[in-house]
Amino acid sequence: MAEPLDDYIDAVSKALALPVDEAWRPAVRANLEVSLRLGRLVDEFALPDETEPAPIFTA
């Protein structure tokens, strides 16, 4: 049975017409796991309602 991340890799690879070689799948999966873990940390960080967005800086 395929894991959800494997299904996601297959779907995105197909949608982007970007073949993922079987040798690269473990690295792609590991990268997604790290990205999702870091994203979860950001998402779980509670901000007060009065928090203002940061200004935009341009160079």
Protein backbone atom coordinates (compact mmCIF):
# COMPACT_ATOMS: atom_id res chain seq x y z
CA MET A 1 0.00 0.00 0.00
CA ALA A 2 1.40 3.39 -0.98
CA GLU A 3 2.06 6.05 1.63
CA PRO A 4 0.25 9.42 1.29
CA LEU A 5 3.53 11.20 0.49
CA ASP A 6 4.26 8.68 -2.26
CA ASP A 7 0.82 9.36 -3.73
CA TYR A 8 1.52 13.10 -3.49
CA ILE A 9 4.89 12.71 -5.24
CA ASP A 10 3.21 10.75 -8.03
CA ALA A 11 0.41 13.32 -8.44
CA VAL A 12 2.68 16.36 -8.43
CA SER A 13 5.18 14.69 -10.73
CA LYS A 14 2.39 13.98 -13.19
CA ALA A 15 0.84 17.45 -12.87
CA LEU A 16 4.17 19.16 -13.50
CA ALA A 17 5.24 16.66 -16.17
CA LEU A 18 8.40 16.23 -14.12
CA PRO A 19 9.53 12.63 -13.97
CA VAL A 20 11.01 11.53 -10.65
CA ASP A 21 13.52 8.72 -11.04
CA GLU A 22 13.02 5.88 -8.58
CA ALA A 23 16.53 6.46 -7.23
CA TRP A 24 15.52 10.01 -6.21
CA ARG A 25 12.21 9.11 -4.54
CA PRO A 26 13.68 8.55 -1.06
CA ALA A 27 15.40 11.96 -1.17
CA VAL A 28 12.26 13.69 -2.47
CA ARG A 29 10.20 12.00 0.24
CA ALA A 30 12.71 12.98 2.97
CA ASN A 31 12.67 16.60 1.76
CA LEU A 32 8.87 16.68 1.86
CA GLU A 33 8.83 15.21 5.37
CA VAL A 34 11.20 17.93 6.61
CA SER A 35 9.27 20.68 4.79
CA LEU A 36 5.97 19.48 6.25
CA ARG A 37 7.44 19.23 9.76
CA LEU A 38 8.80 22.80 9.55
CA GLY A 39 5.54 24.07 8.08
CA ARG A 40 3.64 22.47 10.94
CA LEU A 41 5.84 24.35 13.45
CA VAL A 42 5.05 27.66 11.74
CA ASP A 43 1.35 26.85 11.53
CA GLU A 44 1.14 25.91 15.22
CA PHE A 45 2.81 29.13 16.39
CA ALA A 46 0.05 31.20 17.93
CA LEU A 47 -0.02 34.90 17.10
CA PRO A 48 -2.13 37.44 18.96
CA ASP A 49 -5.00 39.00 17.01
CA GLU A 50 -3.37 42.43 17.19
CA THR A 51 -0.20 41.28 15.42
CA GLU A 52 0.57 43.49 12.43
CA PRO A 53 2.23 42.26 9.26
CA ALA A 54 5.85 43.23 8.78
CA PRO A 55 6.58 46.10 6.41
CA ILE A 56 7.91 45.29 2.97
CA PHE A 57 11.58 46.09 2.44
CA THR A 58 12.98 46.42 -1.06
CA ALA A 59 16.58 46.87 -2.13
